[in-house]
Amino acid sequence: MSTGAIIAIVIAAIIVIALIAMVLQRQRVRKVQQRRVERDHLRDEARVRGARAERERATADEQSAAARRQAAEAEERSVRARQEAAVAEEHEARAREIDPDRDADEESRDDRQVAGTRDSRDNA
């Protein structure tokens, strides 16, 4: 082989190696760019899902607070109802006591009823 042929082969090999290096570099750049796009997409998705989760958490907290508020209001109404029932019962008892039209038989029957009501409340 002549010196010229060897030089031509070496130059061709250098050109082929340079072309391969350029192709590999472009592939690396393309792959890095694809990963950046995927990264941005995943971060956007994470932000959207995080915002949804925060909104759901806030809604759940609001519902929980409303349920606690309703339970407290119901308990308050229940206490008021018991108090009103007790006052009504006292008024009814007092009305029976002072009723001038009531006869003696009704008095003893009413006394037994009142005693029975007290016993049932005491057992509860």
N, C-alpha and C. Protein backbone atom coordinates (compact mmCIF):
# COMPACT_ATOMS: atom_id res chain seq x y z
N MET A 1 0.82 -1.17 0.00
CA MET A 1 0.00 0.00 0.00
C MET A 1 0.87 1.24 0.00
N SER A 2 0.37 2.19 -0.71
CA SER A 2 1.15 3.42 -0.83
C SER A 2 0.84 4.34 0.35
N THR A 3 1.69 5.28 0.52
CA THR A 3 1.54 6.23 1.60
C THR A 3 0.26 7.03 1.42
N GLY A 4 -0.07 7.36 0.22
CA GLY A 4 -1.30 8.13 -0.07
C GLY A 4 -2.55 7.35 0.33
N ALA A 5 -2.56 6.04 0.08
CA ALA A 5 -3.72 5.22 0.42
C ALA A 5 -3.86 5.13 1.93
N ILE A 6 -2.76 4.98 2.63
CA ILE A 6 -2.80 4.90 4.09
C ILE A 6 -3.32 6.23 4.65
N ILE A 7 -2.86 7.33 4.11
CA ILE A 7 -3.32 8.65 4.57
C ILE A 7 -4.83 8.79 4.31
N ALA A 8 -5.29 8.33 3.13
CA ALA A 8 -6.71 8.41 2.78
C ALA A 8 -7.54 7.55 3.74
N ILE A 9 -7.05 6.36 4.08
CA ILE A 9 -7.77 5.48 5.00
C ILE A 9 -7.83 6.13 6.39
N VAL A 10 -6.74 6.70 6.85
CA VAL A 10 -6.70 7.34 8.16
C VAL A 10 -7.67 8.54 8.18
N ILE A 11 -7.66 9.34 7.13
CA ILE A 11 -8.56 10.50 7.05
C ILE A 11 -10.02 10.02 7.03
N ALA A 12 -10.30 8.96 6.26
CA ALA A 12 -11.66 8.42 6.19
C ALA A 12 -12.08 7.90 7.57
N ALA A 13 -11.17 7.24 8.26
CA ALA A 13 -11.48 6.72 9.60
C ALA A 13 -11.75 7.88 10.56
N ILE A 14 -10.97 8.93 10.48
CA ILE A 14 -11.18 10.10 11.34
C ILE A 14 -12.54 10.74 11.04
N ILE A 15 -12.89 10.83 9.76
CA ILE A 15 -14.19 11.41 9.37
C ILE A 15 -15.32 10.53 9.89
N VAL A 16 -15.20 9.21 9.74
CA VAL A 16 -16.23 8.29 10.23
C VAL A 16 -16.36 8.42 11.75
N ILE A 17 -15.24 8.45 12.44
CA ILE A 17 -15.26 8.58 13.90
C ILE A 17 -15.91 9.92 14.29
N ALA A 18 -15.59 11.00 13.60
CA ALA A 18 -16.17 12.32 13.88
C ALA A 18 -17.68 12.30 13.63
N LEU A 19 -18.10 11.65 12.53
CA LEU A 19 -19.54 11.55 12.23
C LEU A 19 -20.26 10.75 13.32
N ILE A 20 -19.66 9.65 13.73
CA ILE A 20 -20.27 8.83 14.78
C ILE A 20 -20.36 9.65 16.08
N ALA A 21 -19.31 10.39 16.40
CA ALA A 21 -19.30 11.22 17.60
C ALA A 21 -20.41 12.29 17.53
N MET A 22 -20.60 12.89 16.35
CA MET A 22 -21.65 13.91 16.18
C MET A 22 -23.04 13.30 16.33
N VAL A 23 -23.24 12.13 15.76
CA VAL A 23 -24.54 11.46 15.87
C VAL A 23 -24.83 11.11 17.33
N LEU A 24 -23.82 10.56 18.01
CA LEU A 24 -23.99 10.21 19.42
C LEU A 24 -24.28 11.46 20.27
N GLN A 25 -23.60 12.56 19.97
CA GLN A 25 -23.82 13.81 20.69
C GLN A 25 -25.25 14.32 20.48
N ARG A 26 -25.74 14.25 19.25
CA ARG A 26 -27.11 14.68 18.95
C ARG A 26 -28.12 13.80 19.67
N GLN A 27 -27.83 12.50 19.70
CA GLN A 27 -28.74 11.59 20.41
C GLN A 27 -28.78 11.93 21.90
N ARG A 28 -27.61 12.21 22.47
CA ARG A 28 -27.57 12.59 23.89
C ARG A 28 -28.35 13.88 24.13
N VAL A 29 -28.17 14.86 23.27
CA VAL A 29 -28.89 16.13 23.41
C VAL A 29 -30.39 15.90 23.29
N ARG A 30 -30.81 15.10 22.32
CA ARG A 30 -32.23 14.81 22.13
C ARG A 30 -32.79 14.09 23.35
N LYS A 31 -32.02 13.14 23.88
CA LYS A 31 -32.48 12.40 25.06
C LYS A 31 -32.61 13.32 26.28
N VAL A 32 -31.63 14.21 26.45
CA VAL A 32 -31.67 15.17 27.56
C VAL A 32 -32.89 16.08 27.40
N GLN A 33 -33.15 16.53 26.17
CA GLN A 33 -34.29 17.39 25.92
C GLN A 33 -35.61 16.66 26.22
N GLN A 34 -35.70 15.41 25.82
CA GLN A 34 -36.90 14.62 26.11
C GLN A 34 -37.10 14.46 27.61
N ARG A 35 -36.03 14.24 28.33
CA ARG A 35 -36.13 14.10 29.78
C ARG A 35 -36.55 15.42 30.42
N ARG A 36 -36.09 16.54 29.89
CA ARG A 36 -36.51 17.85 30.42
C ARG A 36 -38.01 18.07 30.19
N VAL A 37 -38.47 17.70 29.00
CA VAL A 37 -39.89 17.84 28.71
C VAL A 37 -40.70 16.95 29.66
N GLU A 38 -40.26 15.71 29.83
CA GLU A 38 -40.96 14.80 30.73
C GLU A 38 -40.94 15.33 32.17
N ARG A 39 -39.78 15.85 32.60
CA ARG A 39 -39.65 16.44 33.93
C ARG A 39 -40.65 17.58 34.13
N ASP A 40 -40.72 18.48 33.14
CA ASP A 40 -41.65 19.61 33.24
C ASP A 40 -43.10 19.13 33.31
N HIS A 41 -43.40 18.13 32.49
CA HIS A 41 -44.77 17.58 32.50
C HIS A 41 -45.09 16.98 33.87
N LEU A 42 -44.16 16.20 34.43
CA LEU A 42 -44.39 15.59 35.73
C LEU A 42 -44.53 16.64 36.84
N ARG A 43 -43.73 17.71 36.77
CA ARG A 43 -43.84 18.77 37.78
C ARG A 43 -45.18 19.49 37.68
N ASP A 44 -45.62 19.75 36.44
CA ASP A 44 -46.93 20.38 36.26
C ASP A 44 -48.03 19.48 36.82
N GLU A 45 -47.96 18.21 36.52
CA GLU A 45 -48.95 17.25 37.02
C GLU A 45 -48.92 17.19 38.54
N ALA A 46 -47.73 17.23 39.13
CA ALA A 46 -47.61 17.21 40.59
C ALA A 46 -48.23 18.46 41.19
N ARG A 47 -48.03 19.62 40.57
CA ARG A 47 -48.63 20.85 41.08
C ARG A 47 -50.15 20.79 41.02
N VAL A 48 -50.69 20.29 39.89
CA VAL A 48 -52.14 20.19 39.74
C VAL A 48 -52.71 19.24 40.77
N ARG A 49 -52.09 18.08 40.93
CA ARG A 49 -52.59 17.10 41.90
C ARG A 49 -52.44 17.62 43.33
N GLY A 50 -51.36 18.33 43.60
CA GLY A 50 -51.18 18.92 44.93
C GLY A 50 -52.28 19.94 45.23
N ALA A 51 -52.61 20.76 44.24
CA ALA A 51 -53.68 21.74 44.42
C ALA A 51 -55.03 21.04 44.65
N ARG A 52 -55.28 19.97 43.89
CA ARG A 52 -56.52 19.20 44.09
C ARG A 52 -56.57 18.62 45.50
N ALA A 53 -55.46 18.05 45.91
CA ALA A 53 -55.41 17.44 47.25
C ALA A 53 -55.67 18.50 48.32
N GLU A 54 -55.08 19.66 48.17
CA GLU A 54 -55.28 20.74 49.14
C GLU A 54 -56.74 21.19 49.15
N ARG A 55 -57.35 21.29 47.97
CA ARG A 55 -58.76 21.67 47.88
C ARG A 55 -59.64 20.62 48.56
N GLU A 56 -59.37 19.34 48.31
CA GLU A 56 -60.14 18.26 48.94
C GLU A 56 -59.96 18.27 50.46
N ARG A 57 -58.74 18.52 50.91
CA ARG A 57 -58.47 18.58 52.34
C ARG A 57 -59.25 19.74 52.98
N ALA A 58 -59.27 20.89 52.30
CA ALA A 58 -60.01 22.05 52.81
C ALA A 58 -61.51 21.76 52.85
N THR A 59 -62.02 21.10 51.82
CA THR A 59 -63.44 20.75 51.79
C THR A 59 -63.77 19.79 52.92
N ALA A 60 -62.92 18.81 53.12
CA ALA A 60 -63.14 17.84 54.20
C ALA A 60 -63.11 18.54 55.56
N ASP A 61 -62.18 19.47 55.74
CA ASP A 61 -62.11 20.21 57.00
C ASP A 61 -63.38 21.04 57.22
N GLU A 62 -63.86 21.67 56.15
CA GLU A 62 -65.09 22.46 56.26
C GLU A 62 -66.28 21.58 56.62
N GLN A 63 -66.38 20.41 55.98
CA GLN A 63 -67.48 19.50 56.27
C GLN A 63 -67.39 18.98 57.70
N SER A 64 -66.20 18.69 58.14
CA SER A 64 -66.00 18.21 59.50
C SER A 64 -66.42 19.29 60.51
N ALA A 65 -66.02 20.52 60.25
CA ALA A 65 -66.39 21.62 61.14
C ALA A 65 -67.90 21.81 61.15
N ALA A 66 -68.53 21.71 59.98
CA ALA A 66 -69.98 21.86 59.90
C ALA A 66 -70.67 20.75 60.68
N ALA A 67 -70.14 19.53 60.57
CA ALA A 67 -70.74 18.40 61.30
C ALA A 67 -70.59 18.60 62.81
N ARG A 68 -69.44 19.07 63.25
CA ARG A 68 -69.24 19.33 64.68
C ARG A 68 -70.18 20.44 65.16
N ARG A 69 -70.32 21.47 64.33
CA ARG A 69 -71.21 22.57 64.68
C ARG A 69 -72.66 22.09 64.78
N GLN A 70 -73.08 21.26 63.84
CA GLN A 70 -74.44 20.73 63.86
C GLN A 70 -74.66 19.83 65.08
N ALA A 71 -73.67 19.03 65.41
CA ALA A 71 -73.79 18.16 66.59
C ALA A 71 -73.92 18.99 67.86
N ALA A 72 -73.13 20.06 67.94
CA ALA A 72 -73.21 20.93 69.12
C ALA A 72 -74.58 21.61 69.19
N GLU A 73 -75.07 22.06 68.05
CA GLU A 73 -76.39 22.69 68.03
C GLU A 73 -77.48 21.70 68.42
N ALA A 74 -77.38 20.47 67.94
CA ALA A 74 -78.36 19.45 68.28
C ALA A 74 -78.32 19.15 69.77
N GLU A 75 -77.13 19.05 70.32
CA GLU A 75 -77.00 18.80 71.76
C GLU A 75 -77.61 19.96 72.56
N GLU A 76 -77.35 21.18 72.09
CA GLU A 76 -77.91 22.36 72.76
C GLU A 76 -79.44 22.34 72.70
N ARG A 77 -79.99 22.01 71.54
CA ARG A 77 -81.45 21.93 71.42
C ARG A 77 -82.02 20.82 72.30
N SER A 78 -81.31 19.72 72.39
CA SER A 78 -81.76 18.61 73.24
C SER A 78 -81.81 19.04 74.70
N VAL A 79 -80.78 19.75 75.15
CA VAL A 79 -80.74 20.23 76.53
C VAL A 79 -81.90 21.20 76.77
N ARG A 80 -82.10 22.13 75.82
CA ARG A 80 -83.20 23.08 75.97
C ARG A 80 -84.55 22.36 76.00
N ALA A 81 -84.71 21.33 75.17
CA ALA A 81 -85.97 20.58 75.15
C ALA A 81 -86.21 19.89 76.48
N ARG A 82 -85.14 19.29 77.05
CA ARG A 82 -85.29 18.65 78.37
C ARG A 82 -85.66 19.68 79.44
N GLN A 83 -85.03 20.84 79.37
CA GLN A 83 -85.34 21.89 80.34
C GLN A 83 -86.78 22.36 80.19
N GLU A 84 -87.22 22.55 78.97
CA GLU A 84 -88.59 22.99 78.72
C GLU A 84 -89.58 21.93 79.19
N ALA A 85 -89.28 20.65 78.95
CA ALA A 85 -90.16 19.58 79.39
C ALA A 85 -90.24 19.56 80.92
N ALA A 86 -89.12 19.78 81.58
CA ALA A 86 -89.11 19.80 83.04
C ALA A 86 -89.95 20.97 83.56
N VAL A 87 -89.79 22.14 82.95
CA VAL A 87 -90.57 23.31 83.36
C VAL A 87 -92.05 23.06 83.11
N ALA A 88 -92.38 22.48 81.96
CA ALA A 88 -93.78 22.19 81.64
C ALA A 88 -94.37 21.21 82.65
N GLU A 89 -93.59 20.21 83.02
CA GLU A 89 -94.05 19.24 84.00
C GLU A 89 -94.28 19.90 85.36
N GLU A 90 -93.36 20.79 85.75
CA GLU A 90 -93.53 21.51 87.01
C GLU A 90 -94.78 22.37 86.99
N HIS A 91 -95.01 23.06 85.88
CA HIS A 91 -96.20 23.90 85.76
C HIS A 91 -97.47 23.05 85.82
N GLU A 92 -97.44 21.90 85.14
CA GLU A 92 -98.61 21.02 85.16
C GLU A 92 -98.86 20.51 86.58
N ALA A 93 -97.81 20.15 87.28
CA ALA A 93 -97.96 19.66 88.65
C ALA A 93 -98.52 20.77 89.55
N ARG A 94 -97.97 21.95 89.36
CA ARG A 94 -98.45 23.08 90.18
C ARG A 94 -99.91 23.38 89.85
N ALA A 95 -100.29 23.29 88.57
CA ALA A 95 -101.69 23.53 88.18
C ALA A 95 -102.60 22.50 88.82
N ARG A 96 -102.15 21.24 88.88
CA ARG A 96 -102.97 20.20 89.53
C ARG A 96 -103.13 20.47 91.02
N GLU A 97 -102.05 20.94 91.62
CA GLU A 97 -102.09 21.21 93.06
C GLU A 97 -103.09 22.31 93.41
N ILE A 98 -103.13 23.33 92.59
CA ILE A 98 -103.99 24.46 92.95
C ILE A 98 -105.35 24.41 92.29
N ASP A 99 -105.64 23.34 91.54
CA ASP A 99 -106.92 23.22 90.84
C ASP A 99 -108.06 23.10 91.86
N PRO A 100 -108.93 24.09 91.90
CA PRO A 100 -110.02 24.04 92.87
C PRO A 100 -111.11 23.05 92.48
N ASP A 101 -111.15 22.63 91.23
CA ASP A 101 -112.19 21.72 90.75
C ASP A 101 -111.80 20.26 90.88
N ARG A 102 -110.68 19.98 91.39
CA ARG A 102 -110.18 18.61 91.50
C ARG A 102 -110.73 17.97 92.76
N ASP A 103 -111.14 16.71 92.64
CA ASP A 103 -111.66 16.04 93.84
C ASP A 103 -110.57 15.18 94.48
N ALA A 104 -110.85 14.58 95.57
CA ALA A 104 -109.88 13.84 96.37
C ALA A 104 -109.35 12.60 95.65
N ASP A 105 -110.19 11.89 94.88
CA ASP A 105 -109.74 10.70 94.16
C ASP A 105 -108.70 11.07 93.11
N GLU A 106 -108.93 12.15 92.42
CA GLU A 106 -107.95 12.58 91.41
C GLU A 106 -106.64 12.95 92.07
N GLU A 107 -106.68 13.53 93.24
CA GLU A 107 -105.46 13.93 93.95
C GLU A 107 -104.59 12.73 94.25
N SER A 108 -105.19 11.66 94.78
CA SER A 108 -104.38 10.49 95.13
C SER A 108 -103.85 9.81 93.87
N ARG A 109 -104.66 9.76 92.80
CA ARG A 109 -104.21 9.17 91.53
C ARG A 109 -103.06 9.99 90.94
N ASP A 110 -103.20 11.30 90.96
CA ASP A 110 -102.15 12.18 90.45
C ASP A 110 -100.87 12.05 91.26
N ASP A 111 -101.01 11.93 92.57
CA ASP A 111 -99.83 11.77 93.42
C ASP A 111 -99.09 10.49 93.07
N ARG A 112 -99.84 9.40 92.82
CA ARG A 112 -99.20 8.13 92.43
C ARG A 112 -98.52 8.27 91.07
N GLN A 113 -99.16 8.99 90.14
CA GLN A 113 -98.57 9.19 88.81
C GLN A 113 -97.27 9.97 88.91
N VAL A 114 -97.27 11.03 89.65
CA VAL A 114 -96.08 11.86 89.81
C VAL A 114 -94.97 11.04 90.44
N ALA A 115 -95.27 10.24 91.46
CA ALA A 115 -94.25 9.41 92.11
C ALA A 115 -93.70 8.39 91.12
N GLY A 116 -94.55 7.79 90.28
CA GLY A 116 -94.10 6.82 89.27
C GLY A 116 -93.20 7.48 88.23
N THR A 117 -93.53 8.69 87.85
CA THR A 117 -92.71 9.42 86.87
C THR A 117 -91.35 9.73 87.45
N ARG A 118 -91.32 10.11 88.71
CA ARG A 118 -90.03 10.41 89.36
C ARG A 118 -89.17 9.15 89.45
N ASP A 119 -89.81 8.01 89.81
CA ASP A 119 -89.07 6.76 89.91
C ASP A 119 -88.47 6.36 88.57
N SER A 120 -89.25 6.51 87.50
CA SER A 120 -88.72 6.13 86.18
C SER A 120 -87.58 7.03 85.76
N ARG A 121 -87.63 8.32 86.11
CA ARG A 121 -86.53 9.23 85.78
C ARG A 121 -85.30 8.90 86.62
N ASP A 122 -85.51 8.53 87.87
CA ASP A 122 -84.39 8.19 88.74
C ASP A 122 -83.68 6.94 88.24
N ASN A 123 -84.41 5.98 87.68
CA ASN A 123 -83.83 4.74 87.18
C ASN A 123 -83.09 4.97 85.87
N ALA A 124 -83.48 5.96 85.15
CA ALA A 124 -82.84 6.23 83.85
C ALA A 124 -81.55 6.90 84.12
